[in-house]
Amino acid sequence: MAFDKKLLEIIACPVCKGTLILDKPTDANERLVCRFDRLAYPIEQHIPVLLETEALVLSSEELEKITK
């Protein structure tokens, strides 16, 4: 069972309340990305971990690689 993409319609970034994008990097697990805050939230066992303390700060280069 994969992450349910319908959740993207109802969840938001806990920091800015903005839109999250589902990202599937080739070398890691799925994650939810907030482009505005440049944060990537992990998805563990199909459950998004929407805690700012658990988020990874993305560089500008990493952010450019993420498709909309």
N, C-alpha and C. Protein backbone atom coordinates (compact mmCIF):
# COMPACT_ATOMS: atom_id res chain seq x y z
N MET A 1 0.85 -1.18 0.00
CA MET A 1 0.00 0.00 0.00
C MET A 1 0.89 1.24 0.00
N ALA A 2 0.69 2.11 -0.95
CA ALA A 2 1.48 3.33 -1.08
C ALA A 2 0.75 4.50 -0.43
N PHE A 3 1.43 5.62 -0.38
CA PHE A 3 0.84 6.84 0.18
C PHE A 3 -0.39 7.23 -0.64
N ASP A 4 -1.48 7.54 0.04
CA ASP A 4 -2.72 7.91 -0.63
C ASP A 4 -2.64 9.36 -1.10
N LYS A 5 -2.57 9.56 -2.40
CA LYS A 5 -2.42 10.90 -2.97
C LYS A 5 -3.62 11.80 -2.72
N LYS A 6 -4.77 11.22 -2.37
CA LYS A 6 -5.95 12.03 -2.05
C LYS A 6 -5.72 12.86 -0.79
N LEU A 7 -4.81 12.41 0.07
CA LEU A 7 -4.50 13.16 1.28
C LEU A 7 -3.90 14.53 0.97
N LEU A 8 -3.25 14.65 -0.18
CA LEU A 8 -2.65 15.93 -0.56
C LEU A 8 -3.68 17.05 -0.68
N GLU A 9 -4.92 16.68 -0.91
CA GLU A 9 -5.99 17.67 -1.03
C GLU A 9 -6.39 18.26 0.32
N ILE A 10 -6.11 17.54 1.42
CA ILE A 10 -6.59 18.01 2.72
C ILE A 10 -5.48 18.34 3.72
N ILE A 11 -4.26 17.88 3.47
CA ILE A 11 -3.19 18.22 4.41
C ILE A 11 -2.40 19.42 3.90
N ALA A 12 -1.72 20.09 4.82
CA ALA A 12 -0.94 21.27 4.46
C ALA A 12 0.35 21.29 5.27
N CYS A 13 1.25 22.14 4.85
CA CYS A 13 2.51 22.31 5.57
C CYS A 13 2.19 22.83 6.97
N PRO A 14 2.73 22.21 8.01
CA PRO A 14 2.43 22.66 9.36
C PRO A 14 3.07 24.01 9.70
N VAL A 15 4.05 24.45 8.92
CA VAL A 15 4.73 25.72 9.19
C VAL A 15 3.98 26.89 8.57
N CYS A 16 3.74 26.81 7.24
CA CYS A 16 3.13 27.95 6.54
C CYS A 16 1.69 27.69 6.09
N LYS A 17 1.20 26.47 6.29
CA LYS A 17 -0.15 26.06 5.88
C LYS A 17 -0.31 26.02 4.37
N GLY A 18 0.81 25.94 3.66
CA GLY A 18 0.79 25.90 2.19
C GLY A 18 0.64 24.49 1.65
N THR A 19 0.66 24.41 0.34
CA THR A 19 0.49 23.16 -0.38
C THR A 19 1.74 22.28 -0.27
N LEU A 20 1.52 20.99 -0.15
CA LEU A 20 2.61 20.02 -0.13
C LEU A 20 2.62 19.24 -1.45
N ILE A 21 3.81 18.88 -1.88
CA ILE A 21 4.00 18.13 -3.12
C ILE A 21 4.59 16.77 -2.78
N LEU A 22 4.07 15.72 -3.39
CA LEU A 22 4.62 14.38 -3.19
C LEU A 22 5.86 14.23 -4.05
N ASP A 23 6.97 13.87 -3.42
CA ASP A 23 8.24 13.69 -4.12
C ASP A 23 8.72 12.27 -3.90
N LYS A 24 9.23 11.66 -4.98
CA LYS A 24 9.76 10.31 -4.90
C LYS A 24 11.20 10.31 -5.40
N PRO A 25 12.14 10.72 -4.55
CA PRO A 25 13.54 10.68 -5.00
C PRO A 25 13.97 9.24 -5.25
N THR A 26 14.87 9.06 -6.18
CA THR A 26 15.26 7.70 -6.57
C THR A 26 16.06 6.98 -5.50
N ASP A 27 16.75 7.72 -4.64
CA ASP A 27 17.60 7.08 -3.64
C ASP A 27 17.00 7.07 -2.24
N ALA A 28 15.76 7.49 -2.09
CA ALA A 28 15.15 7.55 -0.76
C ALA A 28 13.67 7.23 -0.84
N ASN A 29 13.02 7.21 0.31
CA ASN A 29 11.58 6.97 0.37
C ASN A 29 10.81 8.21 -0.06
N GLU A 30 9.51 8.03 -0.23
CA GLU A 30 8.66 9.16 -0.58
C GLU A 30 8.71 10.21 0.53
N ARG A 31 8.43 11.44 0.14
CA ARG A 31 8.38 12.53 1.11
C ARG A 31 7.46 13.62 0.59
N LEU A 32 6.99 14.45 1.50
CA LEU A 32 6.15 15.59 1.14
C LEU A 32 6.99 16.84 1.24
N VAL A 33 6.90 17.68 0.21
CA VAL A 33 7.76 18.86 0.14
C VAL A 33 6.92 20.13 0.13
N CYS A 34 7.37 21.09 0.94
CA CYS A 34 6.81 22.44 0.91
C CYS A 34 7.83 23.31 0.19
N ARG A 35 7.48 23.79 -0.99
CA ARG A 35 8.39 24.60 -1.78
C ARG A 35 8.68 25.94 -1.09
N PHE A 36 7.69 26.53 -0.46
CA PHE A 36 7.84 27.85 0.16
C PHE A 36 8.86 27.81 1.30
N ASP A 37 8.73 26.83 2.17
CA ASP A 37 9.64 26.73 3.33
C ASP A 37 10.89 25.91 3.03
N ARG A 38 10.93 25.27 1.85
CA ARG A 38 12.06 24.39 1.45
C ARG A 38 12.26 23.27 2.46
N LEU A 39 11.14 22.65 2.86
CA LEU A 39 11.19 21.55 3.82
C LEU A 39 10.65 20.27 3.19
N ALA A 40 11.27 19.15 3.53
CA ALA A 40 10.81 17.84 3.07
C ALA A 40 10.43 17.02 4.29
N TYR A 41 9.18 16.62 4.35
CA TYR A 41 8.66 15.82 5.46
C TYR A 41 8.68 14.35 5.07
N PRO A 42 9.25 13.49 5.91
CA PRO A 42 9.31 12.06 5.56
C PRO A 42 7.95 11.39 5.63
N ILE A 43 7.83 10.30 4.89
CA ILE A 43 6.66 9.42 4.96
C ILE A 43 7.17 8.08 5.46
N GLU A 44 6.73 7.70 6.65
CA GLU A 44 7.19 6.46 7.26
C GLU A 44 6.02 5.49 7.38
N GLN A 45 6.18 4.32 6.81
CA GLN A 45 5.14 3.30 6.80
C GLN A 45 3.82 3.85 6.28
N HIS A 46 3.90 4.62 5.21
CA HIS A 46 2.76 5.20 4.50
C HIS A 46 2.07 6.32 5.28
N ILE A 47 2.71 6.82 6.34
CA ILE A 47 2.13 7.89 7.16
C ILE A 47 3.06 9.09 7.12
N PRO A 48 2.56 10.26 6.70
CA PRO A 48 3.42 11.45 6.68
C PRO A 48 3.74 11.93 8.09
N VAL A 49 5.00 12.26 8.31
CA VAL A 49 5.45 12.78 9.60
C VAL A 49 5.54 14.30 9.44
N LEU A 50 4.47 14.99 9.80
CA LEU A 50 4.39 16.43 9.58
C LEU A 50 4.83 17.21 10.82
N LEU A 51 6.06 16.95 11.23
CA LEU A 51 6.66 17.66 12.35
C LEU A 51 7.84 18.46 11.83
N GLU A 52 7.87 19.74 12.17
CA GLU A 52 8.96 20.59 11.69
C GLU A 52 10.32 20.06 12.14
N THR A 53 10.37 19.48 13.32
CA THR A 53 11.63 18.96 13.84
C THR A 53 12.13 17.73 13.08
N GLU A 54 11.24 17.04 12.36
CA GLU A 54 11.61 15.86 11.59
C GLU A 54 11.87 16.19 10.12
N ALA A 55 11.57 17.42 9.71
CA ALA A 55 11.71 17.81 8.30
C ALA A 55 13.17 18.05 7.93
N LEU A 56 13.46 17.79 6.67
CA LEU A 56 14.78 18.02 6.12
C LEU A 56 14.76 19.33 5.35
N VAL A 57 15.72 20.20 5.62
CA VAL A 57 15.81 21.47 4.89
C VAL A 57 16.46 21.19 3.54
N LEU A 58 15.81 21.64 2.47
CA LEU A 58 16.30 21.39 1.12
C LEU A 58 17.12 22.57 0.60
N SER A 59 18.15 22.26 -0.15
CA SER A 59 18.93 23.31 -0.81
C SER A 59 18.18 23.78 -2.05
N SER A 60 18.61 24.88 -2.61
CA SER A 60 17.99 25.40 -3.83
C SER A 60 18.11 24.40 -4.97
N GLU A 61 19.24 23.71 -5.05
CA GLU A 61 19.45 22.73 -6.11
C GLU A 61 18.49 21.55 -5.96
N GLU A 62 18.32 21.08 -4.73
CA GLU A 62 17.40 19.97 -4.49
C GLU A 62 15.96 20.38 -4.83
N LEU A 63 15.61 21.59 -4.48
CA LEU A 63 14.25 22.08 -4.71
C LEU A 63 13.95 22.19 -6.20
N GLU A 64 14.94 22.58 -7.00
CA GLU A 64 14.75 22.69 -8.45
C GLU A 64 14.49 21.34 -9.10
N LYS A 65 15.00 20.27 -8.52
CA LYS A 65 14.84 18.92 -9.08
C LYS A 65 13.44 18.37 -8.87
N ILE A 66 12.70 18.94 -7.96
CA ILE A 66 11.36 18.43 -7.64
C ILE A 66 10.35 18.99 -8.64
N THR A 67 9.62 18.09 -9.26
CA THR A 67 8.62 18.51 -10.24
C THR A 67 7.34 18.92 -9.54
N LYS A 68 6.62 19.79 -10.17
CA LYS A 68 5.35 20.25 -9.61
C LYS A 68 4.26 19.23 -9.79
